[in-house]
């Protein structure tokens, strides 16, 4: 994510230590995918879009 096209990234929770998921860790990838699906389903159930 950049700010005003200047190439700077906003700091997010994902940038903090402990949020990295090793792509070779099948369990970690599965957990992140499952949580993402649940968030999407709940968000859509209340009529929100991802941008909101």
PDB file of N, CA and C in Angstrom:
ATOM      1  N   UNK A   1       0.861  -1.159   0.000  1.00  0.00           N
ATOM      2  CA  UNK A   1       0.000   0.000   0.000  1.00  0.00           C
ATOM      3  C   UNK A   1       0.905   1.218   0.000  1.00  0.00           C
ATOM      4  N   UNK A   2       0.679   2.138  -0.911  1.00  0.00           N
ATOM      5  CA  UNK A   2       1.518   3.326  -0.949  1.00  0.00           C
ATOM      6  C   UNK A   2       0.694   4.550  -0.591  1.00  0.00           C
ATOM      7  N   UNK A   3       1.381   5.601  -0.196  1.00  0.00           N
ATOM      8  CA  UNK A   3       0.745   6.845   0.185  1.00  0.00           C
ATOM      9  C   UNK A   3       1.129   7.891  -0.843  1.00  0.00           C
ATOM     10  N   UNK A   4       0.152   8.500  -1.518  1.00  0.00           N
ATOM     11  CA  UNK A   4       0.386   9.552  -2.494  1.00  0.00           C
ATOM     12  C   UNK A   4       1.412   9.176  -3.556  1.00  0.00           C
ATOM     13  N   UNK A   5       1.527   7.913  -3.884  1.00  0.00           N
ATOM     14  CA  UNK A   5       2.434   7.486  -4.923  1.00  0.00           C
ATOM     15  C   UNK A   5       3.900   7.702  -4.605  1.00  0.00           C
ATOM     16  N   UNK A   6       4.216   8.078  -3.381  1.00  0.00           N
ATOM     17  CA  UNK A   6       5.589   8.353  -3.005  1.00  0.00           C
ATOM     18  C   UNK A   6       6.399   7.113  -2.692  1.00  0.00           C
ATOM     19  N   UNK A   7       5.803   5.957  -2.782  1.00  0.00           N
ATOM     20  CA  UNK A   7       6.517   4.725  -2.514  1.00  0.00           C
ATOM     21  C   UNK A   7       6.610   4.372  -1.040  1.00  0.00           C
ATOM     22  N   UNK A   8       6.024   5.158  -0.154  1.00  0.00           N
ATOM     23  CA  UNK A   8       6.046   4.841   1.265  1.00  0.00           C
ATOM     24  C   UNK A   8       4.896   3.900   1.574  1.00  0.00           C
ATOM     25  N   UNK A   9       5.165   2.967   2.469  1.00  0.00           N
ATOM     26  CA  UNK A   9       4.112   2.041   2.892  1.00  0.00           C
ATOM     27  C   UNK A   9       3.579   2.457   4.242  1.00  0.00           C
ATOM     28  N   UNK A  10       2.266   2.309   4.406  1.00  0.00           N
ATOM     29  CA  UNK A  10       1.673   2.523   5.718  1.00  0.00           C
ATOM     30  C   UNK A  10       1.979   1.310   6.577  1.00  0.00           C
ATOM     31  N   UNK A  11       2.250   1.525   7.851  1.00  0.00           N
ATOM     32  CA  UNK A  11       2.529   0.414   8.749  1.00  0.00           C
ATOM     33  C   UNK A  11       1.213  -0.238   9.157  1.00  0.00           C
ATOM     34  N   UNK A  12       1.152  -1.535   9.037  1.00  0.00           N
ATOM     35  CA  UNK A  12      -0.032  -2.294   9.423  1.00  0.00           C
ATOM     36  C   UNK A  12       0.375  -3.358  10.429  1.00  0.00           C
ATOM     37  N   UNK A  13      -0.610  -4.016  11.009  1.00  0.00           N
ATOM     38  CA  UNK A  13      -0.307  -5.098  11.944  1.00  0.00           C
ATOM     39  C   UNK A  13       0.490  -6.197  11.265  1.00  0.00           C
ATOM     40  N   UNK A  14       0.251  -6.396   9.973  1.00  0.00           N
ATOM     41  CA  UNK A  14       0.953  -7.447   9.245  1.00  0.00           C
ATOM     42  C   UNK A  14       2.442  -7.154   9.140  1.00  0.00           C
ATOM     43  N   UNK A  15       2.850  -5.894   9.318  1.00  0.00           N
ATOM     44  CA  UNK A  15       4.261  -5.533   9.254  1.00  0.00           C
ATOM     45  C   UNK A  15       4.987  -5.799  10.564  1.00  0.00           C
ATOM     46  N   UNK A  16       4.256  -6.086  11.628  1.00  0.00           N
ATOM     47  CA  UNK A  16       4.869  -6.299  12.925  1.00  0.00           C
ATOM     48  C   UNK A  16       5.329  -7.745  13.055  1.00  0.00           C
ATOM     49  N   UNK A  17       6.354  -7.982  13.881  1.00  0.00           N
ATOM     50  CA  UNK A  17       6.876  -9.344  14.053  1.00  0.00           C
ATOM     51  C   UNK A  17       5.794 -10.307  14.517  1.00  0.00           C
ATOM     52  N   UNK A  18       5.867 -11.513  14.019  1.00  0.00           N
ATOM     53  CA  UNK A  18       4.937 -12.555  14.424  1.00  0.00           C
ATOM     54  C   UNK A  18       3.778 -12.767  13.466  1.00  0.00           C
ATOM     55  N   UNK A  19       3.612 -11.882  12.483  1.00  0.00           N
ATOM     56  CA  UNK A  19       2.497 -12.007  11.551  1.00  0.00           C
ATOM     57  C   UNK A  19       2.906 -12.660  10.231  1.00  0.00           C
ATOM     58  N   UNK A  20       4.177 -12.997  10.084  1.00  0.00           N
ATOM     59  CA  UNK A  20       4.626 -13.605   8.844  1.00  0.00           C
ATOM     60  C   UNK A  20       4.165 -15.062   8.785  1.00  0.00           C
ATOM     61  N   UNK A  21       3.789 -15.502   7.598  1.00  0.00           N
ATOM     62  CA  UNK A  21       3.402 -16.894   7.405  1.00  0.00           C
ATOM     63  C   UNK A  21       4.348 -17.489   6.379  1.00  0.00           C
ATOM     64  N   UNK A  22       5.041 -18.537   6.769  1.00  0.00           N
ATOM     65  CA  UNK A  22       5.947 -19.221   5.859  1.00  0.00           C
ATOM     66  C   UNK A  22       5.118 -19.930   4.791  1.00  0.00           C
ATOM     67  N   UNK A  23       5.330 -19.620   3.510  1.00  0.00           N
ATOM     68  CA  UNK A  23       4.527 -20.250   2.450  1.00  0.00           C
ATOM     69  C   UNK A  23       4.648 -21.773   2.422  1.00  0.00           C
ATOM     70  N   UNK A  24       5.721 -22.308   3.004  1.00  0.00           N
ATOM     71  CA  UNK A  24       5.886 -23.767   3.035  1.00  0.00           C
ATOM     72  C   UNK A  24       5.159 -24.407   4.211  1.00  0.00           C
ATOM     73  N   UNK A  25       4.618 -23.589   5.114  1.00  0.00           N
ATOM     74  CA  UNK A  25       3.889 -24.085   6.281  1.00  0.00           C
ATOM     75  C   UNK A  25       2.418 -24.254   5.893  1.00  0.00           C
ATOM     76  N   UNK A  26       2.056 -25.468   5.494  1.00  0.00           N
ATOM     77  CA  UNK A  26       0.692 -25.720   5.022  1.00  0.00           C
ATOM     78  C   UNK A  26      -0.363 -25.386   6.066  1.00  0.00           C
ATOM     79  N   UNK A  27      -0.081 -25.674   7.335  1.00  0.00           N
ATOM     80  CA  UNK A  27      -1.057 -25.385   8.391  1.00  0.00           C
ATOM     81  C   UNK A  27      -1.253 -23.884   8.542  1.00  0.00           C
ATOM     82  N   UNK A  28      -0.167 -23.134   8.526  1.00  0.00           N
ATOM     83  CA  UNK A  28      -0.258 -21.680   8.665  1.00  0.00           C
ATOM     84  C   UNK A  28      -1.027 -21.053   7.522  1.00  0.00           C
ATOM     85  N   UNK A  29      -0.740 -21.508   6.304  1.00  0.00           N
ATOM     86  CA  UNK A  29      -1.445 -20.994   5.129  1.00  0.00           C
ATOM     87  C   UNK A  29      -2.924 -21.343   5.219  1.00  0.00           C
ATOM     88  N   UNK A  30      -3.247 -22.552   5.664  1.00  0.00           N
ATOM     89  CA  UNK A  30      -4.640 -22.977   5.783  1.00  0.00           C
ATOM     90  C   UNK A  30      -5.384 -22.140   6.826  1.00  0.00           C
ATOM     91  N   UNK A  31      -4.727 -21.838   7.937  1.00  0.00           N
ATOM     92  CA  UNK A  31      -5.363 -21.036   8.985  1.00  0.00           C
ATOM     93  C   UNK A  31      -5.647 -19.632   8.463  1.00  0.00           C
ATOM     94  N   UNK A  32      -4.668 -19.010   7.813  1.00  0.00           N
ATOM     95  CA  UNK A  32      -4.857 -17.662   7.277  1.00  0.00           C
ATOM     96  C   UNK A  32      -5.972 -17.655   6.229  1.00  0.00           C
ATOM     97  N   UNK A  33      -6.009 -18.660   5.367  1.00  0.00           N
ATOM     98  CA  UNK A  33      -7.059 -18.743   4.347  1.00  0.00           C
ATOM     99  C   UNK A  33      -8.433 -18.913   4.992  1.00  0.00           C
ATOM    100  N   UNK A  34      -8.531 -19.739   6.023  1.00  0.00           N
ATOM    101  CA  UNK A  34      -9.801 -19.970   6.713  1.00  0.00           C
ATOM    102  C   UNK A  34     -10.289 -18.703   7.407  1.00  0.00           C
ATOM    103  N   UNK A  35      -9.398 -18.022   8.101  1.00  0.00           N
ATOM    104  CA  UNK A  35      -9.775 -16.780   8.776  1.00  0.00           C
ATOM    105  C   UNK A  35     -10.224 -15.751   7.746  1.00  0.00           C
ATOM    106  N   UNK A  36      -9.518 -15.653   6.630  1.00  0.00           N
ATOM    107  CA  UNK A  36      -9.897 -14.722   5.572  1.00  0.00           C
ATOM    108  C   UNK A  36     -11.281 -15.010   5.015  1.00  0.00           C
ATOM    109  N   UNK A  37     -11.581 -16.291   4.808  1.00  0.00           N
ATOM    110  CA  UNK A  37     -12.914 -16.673   4.310  1.00  0.00           C
ATOM    111  C   UNK A  37     -13.996 -16.310   5.310  1.00  0.00           C
ATOM    112  N   UNK A  38     -13.736 -16.582   6.597  1.00  0.00           N
ATOM    113  CA  UNK A  38     -14.722 -16.264   7.630  1.00  0.00           C
ATOM    114  C   UNK A  38     -14.968 -14.759   7.715  1.00  0.00           C
ATOM    115  N   UNK A  39     -13.912 -13.978   7.652  1.00  0.00           N
ATOM    116  CA  UNK A  39     -14.077 -12.521   7.676  1.00  0.00           C
ATOM    117  C   UNK A  39     -14.899 -12.043   6.480  1.00  0.00           C
ATOM    118  N   UNK A  40     -14.599 -12.589   5.298  1.00  0.00           N
ATOM    119  CA  UNK A  40     -15.346 -12.197   4.100  1.00  0.00           C
ATOM    120  C   UNK A  40     -16.814 -12.564   4.231  1.00  0.00           C
ATOM    121  N   UNK A  41     -17.111 -13.763   4.686  1.00  0.00           N
ATOM    122  CA  UNK A  41     -18.497 -14.192   4.832  1.00  0.00           C
ATOM    123  C   UNK A  41     -19.263 -13.326   5.830  1.00  0.00           C
ATOM    124  N   UNK A  42     -18.638 -13.020   6.949  1.00  0.00           N
ATOM    125  CA  UNK A  42     -19.303 -12.184   7.961  1.00  0.00           C
ATOM    126  C   UNK A  42     -19.480 -10.758   7.468  1.00  0.00           C
ATOM    127  N   UNK A  43     -18.470 -10.233   6.775  1.00  0.00           N
ATOM    128  CA  UNK A  43     -18.556  -8.877   6.228  1.00  0.00           C
ATOM    129  C   UNK A  43     -19.682  -8.790   5.200  1.00  0.00           C
ATOM    130  N   UNK A  44     -19.751  -9.772   4.305  1.00  0.00           N
ATOM    131  CA  UNK A  44     -20.796  -9.772   3.285  1.00  0.00           C
ATOM    132  C   UNK A  44     -22.176  -9.975   3.897  1.00  0.00           C
ATOM    133  N   UNK A  45     -22.254 -10.723   4.999  1.00  0.00           N
ATOM    134  CA  UNK A  45     -23.545 -10.978   5.649  1.00  0.00           C
ATOM    135  C   UNK A  45     -24.171  -9.700   6.188  1.00  0.00           C
ATOM    136  N   UNK A  46     -23.342  -8.717   6.546  1.00  0.00           N
ATOM    137  CA  UNK A  46     -23.886  -7.449   7.042  1.00  0.00           C
ATOM    138  C   UNK A  46     -23.897  -6.388   5.949  1.00  0.00           C
ATOM    139  N   UNK A  47     -23.598  -6.771   4.719  1.00  0.00           N
ATOM    140  CA  UNK A  47     -23.700  -5.868   3.583  1.00  0.00           C
ATOM    141  C   UNK A  47     -22.525  -4.936   3.385  1.00  0.00           C
ATOM    142  N   UNK A  48     -21.363  -5.290   3.943  1.00  0.00           N
ATOM    143  CA  UNK A  48     -20.180  -4.438   3.760  1.00  0.00           C
ATOM    144  C   UNK A  48     -19.316  -4.967   2.625  1.00  0.00           C
ATOM    145  N   UNK A  49     -18.561  -4.039   2.033  1.00  0.00           N
ATOM    146  CA  UNK A  49     -17.588  -4.411   1.009  1.00  0.00           C
ATOM    147  C   UNK A  49     -16.199  -4.366   1.642  1.00  0.00           C
ATOM    148  N   UNK A  50     -15.212  -4.938   0.985  1.00  0.00           N
ATOM    149  CA  UNK A  50     -13.861  -5.000   1.530  1.00  0.00           C
ATOM    150  C   UNK A  50     -13.290  -3.596   1.772  1.00  0.00           C
ATOM    151  N   UNK A  51     -13.608  -2.643   0.928  1.00  0.00           N
ATOM    152  CA  UNK A  51     -13.086  -1.282   1.075  1.00  0.00           C
ATOM    153  C   UNK A  51     -13.642  -0.586   2.313  1.00  0.00           C
ATOM    154  N   UNK A  52     -14.768  -1.055   2.803  1.00  0.00           N
ATOM    155  CA  UNK A  52     -15.391  -0.437   3.970  1.00  0.00           C
ATOM    156  C   UNK A  52     -14.800  -1.002   5.234  1.00  0.00           C
TER     157      UNK A  52
END
